[in-house]
Amino acid sequence: MSVAFASTGDLEEKKVTFSQLAPGAYAYTAEGDPNTGIIVGDDGVMVIDAQATPAMAEDVIAKVRTVTDKPIKYVVLTHYHAVRVLGASAYGAEQIIASRDTYDTIVERGQQDYESELGRFPRLFRGAASIPGLTWPTLVFEGSMTLFMGKTRVDIMQLGRGHTKGDTVVWLPEQKVLYAGDLVEFGATPYTGDAYLEDWPQTLYRLAALGPHRLVPGRGEALMTPELCGKALQETRDFVTALFQNVKQARARGASLKEAFAETRKALEPRFGGWVIFEHCLPFDVSRAYDEAGGLRDPQIWTAERDRQMWASLQG
């Protein structure tokens, strides 16, 4: 039996939750769809990850307007993936902030990623005609930067590679609230098609060292206790580690990519198979793990054509 390509069969709308994590800190979540973070400072609003289209961003704006009428001054991109960034124009922000590595990745593969993800996630690109083109950062940092929204301190940091080369987290040190992007998932399968799998676990240890009391993952519900934050960090680390170890062992034995996929799926499904987008992510995840295990340090560029060819070769 053939498996529907990526998330093309996932057409059911999700229930949106808009929750407060701490004074001025909010999360926009939707049952495993990509999350957006919101920080309301003294003088304006920051949005963390913009949604896939300006049309979809309008719903985030509507939720923001239920708690403040302050202008949306900043959009932060935790990484470059289209489902996170292409809605940015809707906010009319003064600055779009990203790491230098994220900027460089948009230059290198932003258009291919746009076309690739549009084919994988039709439901998440509602109103795709409203996208004006690639989202380009207007303020780029290296390592870290601190921004004061009035009295609210916001630390924007690269703590290591993982989900992508440019992964960025947003940290409210006084409230101990962490917006982790797709470095951390909760009840949702990490997508590792553009990942640095050897680096990712150590990056998660650095996030854990911050000691978050509240955490907004890339997908999954907002986490409201230190214990749940720790659980999400550990489970993400467990998945990434198990994925890479299984694929690396298979490749070392001379297994083909298709054989490594079958073996890894069998190993991971009992624990992780019930997570959101498991069937979607795993072929891309194993493909990247197989490349990295073979010494390919940087991820290959995914194109709409490569997506389909890979899927057919592994799921056929």
C-alpha atoms as a PDB file:
ATOM      1  CA  MET A   1       0.000   0.000   0.000  1.00  0.00           C
ATOM      2  CA  SER A   2       1.404   3.398  -0.967  1.00  0.00           C
ATOM      3  CA  VAL A   3       1.819   6.064   1.693  1.00  0.00           C
ATOM      4  CA  ALA A   4       0.544   9.573   0.904  1.00  0.00           C
ATOM      5  CA  PHE A   5       3.448  11.902   0.213  1.00  0.00           C
ATOM      6  CA  ALA A   6       4.624  13.843   3.262  1.00  0.00           C
ATOM      7  CA  SER A   7       1.616  15.707   4.759  1.00  0.00           C
ATOM      8  CA  THR A   8      -0.505  15.892   1.597  1.00  0.00           C
ATOM      9  CA  GLY A   9      -3.116  13.690   3.259  1.00  0.00           C
ATOM     10  CA  ASP A  10      -3.280  15.842   6.412  1.00  0.00           C
ATOM     11  CA  LEU A  11      -6.153  18.205   5.615  1.00  0.00           C
ATOM     12  CA  GLU A  12      -7.904  18.465   8.983  1.00  0.00           C
ATOM     13  CA  GLU A  13      -7.789  21.915  10.560  1.00  0.00           C
ATOM     14  CA  LYS A  14      -6.298  22.064  14.058  1.00  0.00           C
ATOM     15  CA  LYS A  15      -7.614  23.807  17.150  1.00  0.00           C
ATOM     16  CA  VAL A  16      -5.581  26.877  18.061  1.00  0.00           C
ATOM     17  CA  THR A  17      -4.656  27.631  21.682  1.00  0.00           C
ATOM     18  CA  PHE A  18      -3.375  31.033  22.779  1.00  0.00           C
ATOM     19  CA  SER A  19      -1.883  30.690  26.243  1.00  0.00           C
ATOM     20  CA  GLN A  20      -0.031  32.938  28.669  1.00  0.00           C
ATOM     21  CA  LEU A  21       3.240  31.582  30.039  1.00  0.00           C
ATOM     22  CA  ALA A  22       4.241  34.563  32.183  1.00  0.00           C
ATOM     23  CA  PRO A  23       3.418  38.283  32.256  1.00  0.00           C
ATOM     24  CA  GLY A  24       3.905  39.459  28.682  1.00  0.00           C
ATOM     25  CA  ALA A  25       4.845  36.003  27.338  1.00  0.00           C
ATOM     26  CA  TYR A  26       2.414  34.017  25.170  1.00  0.00           C
ATOM     27  CA  ALA A  27       2.292  30.962  22.923  1.00  0.00           C
ATOM     28  CA  TYR A  28       0.191  30.335  19.819  1.00  0.00           C
ATOM     29  CA  THR A  29      -0.062  26.552  19.387  1.00  0.00           C
ATOM     30  CA  ALA A  30      -2.201  24.307  17.202  1.00  0.00           C
ATOM     31  CA  GLU A  31      -2.181  20.580  18.021  1.00  0.00           C
ATOM     32  CA  GLY A  32       1.223  19.829  16.525  1.00  0.00           C
ATOM     33  CA  ASP A  33       1.243  22.449  13.774  1.00  0.00           C
ATOM     34  CA  PRO A  34       4.095  25.015  13.834  1.00  0.00           C
ATOM     35  CA  ASN A  35       4.003  27.253  16.910  1.00  0.00           C
ATOM     36  CA  THR A  36       4.476  31.005  17.216  1.00  0.00           C
ATOM     37  CA  GLY A  37       5.724  32.865  20.293  1.00  0.00           C
ATOM     38  CA  ILE A  38       4.687  36.343  21.382  1.00  0.00           C
ATOM     39  CA  ILE A  39       6.390  38.729  23.809  1.00  0.00           C
ATOM     40  CA  VAL A  40       4.628  41.937  24.843  1.00  0.00           C
ATOM     41  CA  GLY A  41       7.100  44.505  26.118  1.00  0.00           C
ATOM     42  CA  ASP A  42       6.614  48.025  27.395  1.00  0.00           C
ATOM     43  CA  ASP A  43       6.927  49.593  23.969  1.00  0.00           C
ATOM     44  CA  GLY A  44       5.832  46.931  21.525  1.00  0.00           C
ATOM     45  CA  VAL A  45       5.467  43.280  20.576  1.00  0.00           C
ATOM     46  CA  MET A  46       7.864  40.604  19.354  1.00  0.00           C
ATOM     47  CA  VAL A  47       6.651  37.649  17.278  1.00  0.00           C
ATOM     48  CA  ILE A  48       8.821  34.526  17.217  1.00  0.00           C
ATOM     49  CA  ASP A  49       8.265  32.524  14.015  1.00  0.00           C
ATOM     50  CA  ALA A  50       5.810  34.009  11.595  1.00  0.00           C
ATOM     51  CA  GLN A  51       3.686  31.136  10.180  1.00  0.00           C
ATOM     52  CA  ALA A  52       3.815  30.041   6.542  1.00  0.00           C
ATOM     53  CA  THR A  53       1.774  32.741   4.831  1.00  0.00           C
ATOM     54  CA  PRO A  54       0.633  36.304   5.532  1.00  0.00           C
ATOM     55  CA  ALA A  55      -2.948  35.026   5.422  1.00  0.00           C
ATOM     56  CA  MET A  56      -2.204  32.570   8.252  1.00  0.00           C
ATOM     57  CA  ALA A  57      -0.292  35.230  10.189  1.00  0.00           C
ATOM     58  CA  GLU A  58      -3.486  37.269  10.380  1.00  0.00           C
ATOM     59  CA  ASP A  59      -4.856  34.772  12.913  1.00  0.00           C
ATOM     60  CA  VAL A  60      -1.774  35.273  15.102  1.00  0.00           C
ATOM     61  CA  ILE A  61      -2.273  39.030  14.874  1.00  0.00           C
ATOM     62  CA  ALA A  62      -5.911  38.644  15.884  1.00  0.00           C
ATOM     63  CA  LYS A  63      -4.859  36.708  19.000  1.00  0.00           C
ATOM     64  CA  VAL A  64      -2.233  39.346  19.844  1.00  0.00           C
ATOM     65  CA  ARG A  65      -4.900  42.025  19.615  1.00  0.00           C
ATOM     66  CA  THR A  66      -6.883  40.283  22.343  1.00  0.00           C
ATOM     67  CA  VAL A  67      -4.124  41.173  24.833  1.00  0.00           C
ATOM     68  CA  THR A  68      -2.501  44.371  23.528  1.00  0.00           C
ATOM     69  CA  ASP A  69      -2.814  47.138  20.970  1.00  0.00           C
ATOM     70  CA  LYS A  70       0.934  47.862  21.001  1.00  0.00           C
ATOM     71  CA  PRO A  71       2.692  47.770  17.628  1.00  0.00           C
ATOM     72  CA  ILE A  72       4.409  44.596  16.476  1.00  0.00           C
ATOM     73  CA  LYS A  73       7.986  45.855  16.238  1.00  0.00           C
ATOM     74  CA  TYR A  74      10.044  42.685  15.868  1.00  0.00           C
ATOM     75  CA  VAL A  75       9.800  39.315  14.136  1.00  0.00           C
ATOM     76  CA  VAL A  76      12.438  36.736  15.093  1.00  0.00           C
ATOM     77  CA  LEU A  77      13.164  33.803  12.786  1.00  0.00           C
ATOM     78  CA  THR A  78      14.362  30.786  14.759  1.00  0.00           C
ATOM     79  CA  HIS A  79      15.543  29.258  11.460  1.00  0.00           C
ATOM     80  CA  TYR A  80      14.855  29.523   7.742  1.00  0.00           C
ATOM     81  CA  HIS A  81      12.144  26.930   7.006  1.00  0.00           C
ATOM     82  CA  ALA A  82       9.299  28.259   4.891  1.00  0.00           C
ATOM     83  CA  VAL A  83       6.510  27.206   7.268  1.00  0.00           C
ATOM     84  CA  ARG A  84       8.128  29.441   9.892  1.00  0.00           C
ATOM     85  CA  VAL A  85       9.093  32.537   7.941  1.00  0.00           C
ATOM     86  CA  LEU A  86       7.032  33.303   4.848  1.00  0.00           C
ATOM     87  CA  GLY A  87       4.205  34.985   6.774  1.00  0.00           C
ATOM     88  CA  ALA A  88       6.503  37.678   8.149  1.00  0.00           C
ATOM     89  CA  SER A  89       5.333  40.496   5.881  1.00  0.00           C
ATOM     90  CA  ALA A  90       1.883  40.530   7.533  1.00  0.00           C
ATOM     91  CA  TYR A  91       3.214  41.942  10.803  1.00  0.00           C
ATOM     92  CA  GLY A  92       4.641  45.185   9.424  1.00  0.00           C
ATOM     93  CA  ALA A  93       7.546  44.844  11.843  1.00  0.00           C
ATOM     94  CA  GLU A  94      10.352  47.385  12.094  1.00  0.00           C
ATOM     95  CA  GLN A  95      12.947  44.611  12.210  1.00  0.00           C
ATOM     96  CA  ILE A  96      13.114  40.972  11.117  1.00  0.00           C
ATOM     97  CA  ILE A  97      15.863  39.369  13.206  1.00  0.00           C
ATOM     98  CA  ALA A  98      17.836  36.219  12.381  1.00  0.00           C
ATOM     99  CA  SER A  99      21.239  34.665  12.931  1.00  0.00           C
ATOM    100  CA  ARG A 100      23.885  35.171  10.274  1.00  0.00           C
ATOM    101  CA  ASP A 101      23.798  31.431   9.601  1.00  0.00           C
ATOM    102  CA  THR A 102      20.062  31.630   8.947  1.00  0.00           C
ATOM    103  CA  TYR A 103      20.574  34.552   6.558  1.00  0.00           C
ATOM    104  CA  ASP A 104      23.288  32.627   4.713  1.00  0.00           C
ATOM    105  CA  THR A 105      21.039  29.577   4.447  1.00  0.00           C
ATOM    106  CA  ILE A 106      18.232  31.649   2.902  1.00  0.00           C
ATOM    107  CA  VAL A 107      20.726  32.863   0.318  1.00  0.00           C
ATOM    108  CA  GLU A 108      21.886  29.308  -0.345  1.00  0.00           C
ATOM    109  CA  ARG A 109      18.591  27.401  -0.428  1.00  0.00           C
ATOM    110  CA  GLY A 110      15.653  29.596   0.566  1.00  0.00           C
ATOM    111  CA  GLN A 111      13.819  29.394  -2.773  1.00  0.00           C
ATOM    112  CA  GLN A 112      14.248  25.619  -3.060  1.00  0.00           C
ATOM    113  CA  ASP A 113      12.980  25.203   0.503  1.00  0.00           C
ATOM    114  CA  TYR A 114       9.935  27.357  -0.260  1.00  0.00           C
ATOM    115  CA  GLU A 115       8.998  25.204  -3.249  1.00  0.00           C
ATOM    116  CA  SER A 116       9.763  21.978  -1.374  1.00  0.00           C
ATOM    117  CA  GLU A 117       7.680  22.779   1.698  1.00  0.00           C
ATOM    118  CA  LEU A 118       4.767  24.106  -0.333  1.00  0.00           C
ATOM    119  CA  GLY A 119       4.484  20.642  -1.855  1.00  0.00           C
ATOM    120  CA  ARG A 120       4.827  18.814   1.458  1.00  0.00           C
ATOM    121  CA  PHE A 121       2.354  20.845   3.571  1.00  0.00           C
ATOM    122  CA  PRO A 122      -0.617  22.039   1.481  1.00  0.00           C
ATOM    123  CA  ARG A 123      -2.794  22.737   4.539  1.00  0.00           C
ATOM    124  CA  LEU A 124      -0.114  24.832   6.238  1.00  0.00           C
ATOM    125  CA  PHE A 125       0.157  27.134   3.219  1.00  0.00           C
ATOM    126  CA  ARG A 126      -3.386  28.456   3.260  1.00  0.00           C
ATOM    127  CA  GLY A 127      -3.442  31.674   1.282  1.00  0.00           C
ATOM    128  CA  ALA A 128      -0.109  30.941  -0.422  1.00  0.00           C
ATOM    129  CA  ALA A 129      -0.907  33.597  -3.014  1.00  0.00           C
ATOM    130  CA  SER A 130      -0.442  36.190  -0.255  1.00  0.00           C
ATOM    131  CA  ILE A 131       3.297  35.358   0.057  1.00  0.00           C
ATOM    132  CA  PRO A 132       5.265  38.225  -1.502  1.00  0.00           C
ATOM    133  CA  GLY A 133       8.462  36.175  -1.850  1.00  0.00           C
ATOM    134  CA  LEU A 134      11.268  35.060   0.419  1.00  0.00           C
ATOM    135  CA  THR A 135      11.513  36.634   3.867  1.00  0.00           C
ATOM    136  CA  TRP A 136      14.793  38.497   4.300  1.00  0.00           C
ATOM    137  CA  PRO A 137      16.141  39.469   7.728  1.00  0.00           C
ATOM    138  CA  THR A 138      16.799  43.172   8.248  1.00  0.00           C
ATOM    139  CA  LEU A 139      18.914  42.681  11.397  1.00  0.00           C
ATOM    140  CA  VAL A 140      21.450  39.861  11.540  1.00  0.00           C
ATOM    141  CA  PHE A 141      23.488  38.810  14.586  1.00  0.00           C
ATOM    142  CA  GLU A 142      26.330  36.408  15.284  1.00  0.00           C
ATOM    143  CA  GLY A 143      26.319  34.375  18.499  1.00  0.00           C
ATOM    144  CA  SER A 144      23.852  36.353  20.565  1.00  0.00           C
ATOM    145  CA  MET A 145      22.189  39.695  21.053  1.00  0.00           C
ATOM    146  CA  THR A 146      20.152  41.283  23.816  1.00  0.00           C
ATOM    147  CA  LEU A 147      17.190  43.521  23.150  1.00  0.00           C
ATOM    148  CA  PHE A 148      15.351  45.553  25.771  1.00  0.00           C
ATOM    149  CA  MET A 149      11.647  46.039  25.125  1.00  0.00           C
ATOM    150  CA  GLY A 150      11.342  48.717  27.758  1.00  0.00           C
ATOM    151  CA  LYS A 151      12.103  46.901  31.004  1.00  0.00           C
ATOM    152  CA  THR A 152      11.732  43.467  29.428  1.00  0.00           C
ATOM    153  CA  ARG A 153      15.080  41.863  28.620  1.00  0.00           C
ATOM    154  CA  VAL A 154      15.072  39.499  25.651  1.00  0.00           C
ATOM    155  CA  ASP A 155      18.133  37.367  24.862  1.00  0.00           C
ATOM    156  CA  ILE A 156      18.319  36.055  21.296  1.00  0.00           C
ATOM    157  CA  MET A 157      20.937  33.326  21.027  1.00  0.00           C
ATOM    158  CA  GLN A 158      22.557  30.664  18.904  1.00  0.00           C
ATOM    159  CA  LEU A 159      23.553  27.894  21.289  1.00  0.00           C
ATOM    160  CA  GLY A 160      24.613  25.361  18.677  1.00  0.00           C
ATOM    161  CA  ARG A 161      23.546  23.539  15.562  1.00  0.00           C
ATOM    162  CA  GLY A 162      20.747  21.007  15.560  1.00  0.00           C
ATOM    163  CA  HIS A 163      17.579  21.273  13.499  1.00  0.00           C
ATOM    164  CA  THR A 164      19.437  23.588  11.088  1.00  0.00           C
ATOM    165  CA  LYS A 165      22.725  25.459  10.859  1.00  0.00           C
ATOM    166  CA  GLY A 166      21.215  28.707  12.112  1.00  0.00           C
ATOM    167  CA  ASP A 167      19.001  27.617  15.021  1.00  0.00           C
ATOM    168  CA  THR A 168      18.085  30.504  17.300  1.00  0.00           C
ATOM    169  CA  VAL A 169      16.318  30.548  20.663  1.00  0.00           C
ATOM    170  CA  VAL A 170      14.655  33.428  22.466  1.00  0.00           C
ATOM    171  CA  TRP A 171      15.083  33.538  26.238  1.00  0.00           C
ATOM    172  CA  LEU A 172      13.410  35.673  28.859  1.00  0.00           C
ATOM    173  CA  PRO A 173      15.894  35.325  31.731  1.00  0.00           C
ATOM    174  CA  GLU A 174      13.772  37.001  34.396  1.00  0.00           C
ATOM    175  CA  GLN A 175      10.697  34.896  33.659  1.00  0.00           C
ATOM    176  CA  LYS A 176      12.727  31.785  32.673  1.00  0.00           C
ATOM    177  CA  VAL A 177      10.662  31.376  29.504  1.00  0.00           C
ATOM    178  CA  LEU A 178      12.325  29.709  26.505  1.00  0.00           C
ATOM    179  CA  TYR A 179      11.128  29.871  22.899  1.00  0.00           C
ATOM    180  CA  ALA A 180      13.078  26.969  21.425  1.00  0.00           C
ATOM    181  CA  GLY A 181      11.942  26.748  17.812  1.00  0.00           C
ATOM    182  CA  ASP A 182      12.327  23.303  16.263  1.00  0.00           C
ATOM    183  CA  LEU A 183      15.355  22.459  18.373  1.00  0.00           C
ATOM    184  CA  VAL A 184      12.767  21.043  20.796  1.00  0.00           C
ATOM    185  CA  GLU A 185       9.505  19.247  20.020  1.00  0.00           C
ATOM    186  CA  PHE A 186       6.867  17.810  22.322  1.00  0.00           C
ATOM    187  CA  GLY A 187       4.755  14.888  21.152  1.00  0.00           C
ATOM    188  CA  ALA A 188       5.840  15.731  17.608  1.00  0.00           C
ATOM    189  CA  THR A 189       8.517  14.092  15.496  1.00  0.00           C
ATOM    190  CA  PRO A 190      11.663  16.167  14.995  1.00  0.00           C
ATOM    191  CA  TYR A 191      12.332  16.926  11.345  1.00  0.00           C
ATOM    192  CA  THR A 192      16.023  16.316  10.699  1.00  0.00           C
ATOM    193  CA  GLY A 193      16.261  16.680   6.926  1.00  0.00           C
ATOM    194  CA  ASP A 194      18.461  19.761   7.320  1.00  0.00           C
ATOM    195  CA  ALA A 195      19.981  18.799  10.652  1.00  0.00           C
ATOM    196  CA  TYR A 196      23.381  18.403  12.251  1.00  0.00           C
ATOM    197  CA  LEU A 197      22.679  15.207  14.129  1.00  0.00           C
ATOM    198  CA  GLU A 198      26.030  14.855  15.880  1.00  0.00           C
ATOM    199  CA  ASP A 199      25.738  18.399  17.235  1.00  0.00           C
ATOM    200  CA  TRP A 200      22.071  18.436  18.208  1.00  0.00           C
ATOM    201  CA  PRO A 201      22.235  16.530  21.545  1.00  0.00           C
ATOM    202  CA  GLN A 202      24.938  18.843  22.918  1.00  0.00           C
ATOM    203  CA  THR A 203      22.925  21.880  21.852  1.00  0.00           C
ATOM    204  CA  LEU A 204      19.983  20.506  23.833  1.00  0.00           C
ATOM    205  CA  TYR A 205      22.189  20.211  26.916  1.00  0.00           C
ATOM    206  CA  ARG A 206      22.996  23.906  26.553  1.00  0.00           C
ATOM    207  CA  LEU A 207      19.288  24.717  26.409  1.00  0.00           C
ATOM    208  CA  ALA A 208      18.665  22.598  29.492  1.00  0.00           C
ATOM    209  CA  ALA A 209      21.415  24.478  31.334  1.00  0.00           C
ATOM    210  CA  LEU A 210      19.322  27.637  31.089  1.00  0.00           C
ATOM    211  CA  GLY A 211      16.856  26.014  33.489  1.00  0.00           C
ATOM    212  CA  PRO A 212      13.600  26.953  31.728  1.00  0.00           C
ATOM    213  CA  HIS A 213      10.377  26.996  33.768  1.00  0.00           C
ATOM    214  CA  ARG A 214       8.214  27.491  30.651  1.00  0.00           C
ATOM    215  CA  LEU A 215       9.036  26.371  27.130  1.00  0.00           C
ATOM    216  CA  VAL A 216       7.446  26.802  23.723  1.00  0.00           C
ATOM    217  CA  PRO A 217       8.599  24.001  21.407  1.00  0.00           C
ATOM    218  CA  GLY A 218       8.489  24.181  17.638  1.00  0.00           C
ATOM    219  CA  ARG A 219       5.523  21.821  17.640  1.00  0.00           C
ATOM    220  CA  GLY A 220       3.395  20.619  20.519  1.00  0.00           C
ATOM    221  CA  GLU A 221       1.729  22.271  23.462  1.00  0.00           C
ATOM    222  CA  ALA A 222       3.320  25.026  25.510  1.00  0.00           C
ATOM    223  CA  LEU A 223       5.090  23.505  28.523  1.00  0.00           C
ATOM    224  CA  MET A 224       4.185  25.104  31.828  1.00  0.00           C
ATOM    225  CA  THR A 225       6.421  23.411  34.413  1.00  0.00           C
ATOM    226  CA  PRO A 226      10.177  22.812  34.731  1.00  0.00           C
ATOM    227  CA  GLU A 227       9.464  19.079  34.723  1.00  0.00           C
ATOM    228  CA  LEU A 228       7.666  19.221  31.377  1.00  0.00           C
ATOM    229  CA  CYS A 229      10.426  21.403  29.938  1.00  0.00           C
ATOM    230  CA  GLY A 230      12.964  18.772  30.968  1.00  0.00           C
ATOM    231  CA  LYS A 231      10.807  16.006  29.528  1.00  0.00           C
ATOM    232  CA  ALA A 232      10.588  17.716  26.129  1.00  0.00           C
ATOM    233  CA  LEU A 233      14.335  18.318  26.021  1.00  0.00           C
ATOM    234  CA  GLN A 234      15.084  14.716  26.974  1.00  0.00           C
ATOM    235  CA  GLU A 235      12.586  13.178  24.557  1.00  0.00           C
ATOM    236  CA  THR A 236      13.868  15.269  21.673  1.00  0.00           C
ATOM    237  CA  ARG A 237      17.419  14.215  22.547  1.00  0.00           C
ATOM    238  CA  ASP A 238      16.333  10.576  22.754  1.00  0.00           C
ATOM    239  CA  PHE A 239      14.760  10.666  19.300  1.00  0.00           C
ATOM    240  CA  VAL A 240      17.687  12.382  17.619  1.00  0.00           C
ATOM    241  CA  THR A 241      20.181  10.027  19.281  1.00  0.00           C
ATOM    242  CA  ALA A 242      18.223   6.862  18.466  1.00  0.00           C
ATOM    243  CA  LEU A 243      17.698   7.941  14.867  1.00  0.00           C
ATOM    244  CA  PHE A 244      21.348   8.654  14.211  1.00  0.00           C
ATOM    245  CA  GLN A 245      22.665   5.602  16.049  1.00  0.00           C
ATOM    246  CA  ASN A 246      20.381   3.225  14.162  1.00  0.00           C
ATOM    247  CA  VAL A 247      21.168   4.699  10.763  1.00  0.00           C
ATOM    248  CA  LYS A 248      24.904   4.888  11.480  1.00  0.00           C
ATOM    249  CA  GLN A 249      24.988   1.245  12.534  1.00  0.00           C
ATOM    250  CA  ALA A 250      23.041   0.194   9.449  1.00  0.00           C
ATOM    251  CA  ARG A 251      25.330   2.108   7.113  1.00  0.00           C
ATOM    252  CA  ALA A 252      28.432   0.709   8.815  1.00  0.00           C
ATOM    253  CA  ARG A 253      27.143  -2.790   8.000  1.00  0.00           C
ATOM    254  CA  GLY A 254      26.793  -1.814   4.355  1.00  0.00           C
ATOM    255  CA  ALA A 255      23.024  -1.351   4.352  1.00  0.00           C
ATOM    256  CA  SER A 256      21.467   0.646   1.539  1.00  0.00           C
ATOM    257  CA  LEU A 257      19.436   3.765   2.311  1.00  0.00           C
ATOM    258  CA  LYS A 258      16.212   1.820   1.829  1.00  0.00           C
ATOM    259  CA  GLU A 259      17.425  -0.951   4.142  1.00  0.00           C
ATOM    260  CA  ALA A 260      18.518   1.588   6.751  1.00  0.00           C
ATOM    261  CA  PHE A 261      15.102   3.237   6.533  1.00  0.00           C
ATOM    262  CA  ALA A 262      13.274  -0.043   7.114  1.00  0.00           C
ATOM    263  CA  GLU A 263      15.504  -0.997  10.044  1.00  0.00           C
ATOM    264  CA  THR A 264      15.285   2.432  11.658  1.00  0.00           C
ATOM    265  CA  ARG A 265      11.538   2.622  11.247  1.00  0.00           C
ATOM    266  CA  LYS A 266      11.183  -0.747  12.985  1.00  0.00           C
ATOM    267  CA  ALA A 267      13.422   0.399  15.836  1.00  0.00           C
ATOM    268  CA  LEU A 268      11.787   3.804  16.385  1.00  0.00           C
ATOM    269  CA  GLU A 269       8.118   3.130  15.770  1.00  0.00           C
ATOM    270  CA  PRO A 270       7.309   1.429  19.102  1.00  0.00           C
ATOM    271  CA  ARG A 271       8.308   4.511  21.087  1.00  0.00           C
ATOM    272  CA  PHE A 272       7.890   7.394  18.651  1.00  0.00           C
ATOM    273  CA  GLY A 273       5.398   6.190  16.050  1.00  0.00           C
ATOM    274  CA  GLY A 274       2.459   7.917  17.728  1.00  0.00           C
ATOM    275  CA  TRP A 275       4.067  11.347  17.549  1.00  0.00           C
ATOM    276  CA  VAL A 276       2.688  13.961  15.164  1.00  0.00           C
ATOM    277  CA  ILE A 277       4.137  13.785  11.590  1.00  0.00           C
ATOM    278  CA  PHE A 278       6.146  10.618  12.276  1.00  0.00           C
ATOM    279  CA  GLU A 279       5.300   9.168   8.854  1.00  0.00           C
ATOM    280  CA  HIS A 280       6.042  12.480   7.164  1.00  0.00           C
ATOM    281  CA  CYS A 281       9.394  13.120   8.813  1.00  0.00           C
ATOM    282  CA  LEU A 282      11.037   9.726   8.976  1.00  0.00           C
ATOM    283  CA  PRO A 283      12.041   9.316   5.296  1.00  0.00           C
ATOM    284  CA  PHE A 284      13.629  12.790   5.313  1.00  0.00           C
ATOM    285  CA  ASP A 285      15.191  12.104   8.718  1.00  0.00           C
ATOM    286  CA  VAL A 286      16.776   8.825   7.707  1.00  0.00           C
ATOM    287  CA  SER A 287      18.013  10.294   4.425  1.00  0.00           C
ATOM    288  CA  ARG A 288      19.881  13.055   6.243  1.00  0.00           C
ATOM    289  CA  ALA A 289      21.189  10.668   8.912  1.00  0.00           C
ATOM    290  CA  TYR A 290      22.471   8.323   6.197  1.00  0.00           C
ATOM    291  CA  ASP A 291      24.311  11.211   4.539  1.00  0.00           C
ATOM    292  CA  GLU A 292      25.830  12.445   7.790  1.00  0.00           C
ATOM    293  CA  ALA A 293      26.863   8.923   8.791  1.00  0.00           C
ATOM    294  CA  GLY A 294      28.667   8.721   5.447  1.00  0.00           C
ATOM    295  CA  GLY A 295      30.652  11.867   6.148  1.00  0.00           C
ATOM    296  CA  LEU A 296      28.463  14.504   4.458  1.00  0.00           C
ATOM    297  CA  ARG A 297      28.768  17.249   7.062  1.00  0.00           C
ATOM    298  CA  ASP A 298      26.359  19.757   5.529  1.00  0.00           C
ATOM    299  CA  PRO A 299      22.833  18.782   4.439  1.00  0.00           C
ATOM    300  CA  GLN A 300      22.011  18.459   0.781  1.00  0.00           C
ATOM    301  CA  ILE A 301      19.473  20.931  -0.593  1.00  0.00           C
ATOM    302  CA  TRP A 302      15.958  19.555  -0.710  1.00  0.00           C
ATOM    303  CA  THR A 303      14.006  20.425  -3.843  1.00  0.00           C
ATOM    304  CA  ALA A 304      10.438  19.521  -4.757  1.00  0.00           C
ATOM    305  CA  GLU A 305      11.838  17.013  -7.262  1.00  0.00           C
ATOM    306  CA  ARG A 306      14.292  15.454  -4.810  1.00  0.00           C
ATOM    307  CA  ASP A 307      11.511  15.161  -2.198  1.00  0.00           C
ATOM    308  CA  ARG A 308       9.355  13.068  -4.507  1.00  0.00           C
ATOM    309  CA  GLN A 309      12.206  10.915  -5.782  1.00  0.00           C
ATOM    310  CA  MET A 310      13.363  10.098  -2.250  1.00  0.00           C
ATOM    311  CA  TRP A 311       9.841   9.326  -1.092  1.00  0.00           C
ATOM    312  CA  ALA A 312       9.191   6.979  -4.007  1.00  0.00           C
ATOM    313  CA  SER A 313      12.476   5.163  -3.479  1.00  0.00           C
ATOM    314  CA  LEU A 314      11.861   4.539   0.236  1.00  0.00           C
ATOM    315  CA  GLN A 315       8.079   4.142   0.406  1.00  0.00           C
ATOM    316  CA  GLY A 316       7.521   2.337  -2.868  1.00  0.00           C
END
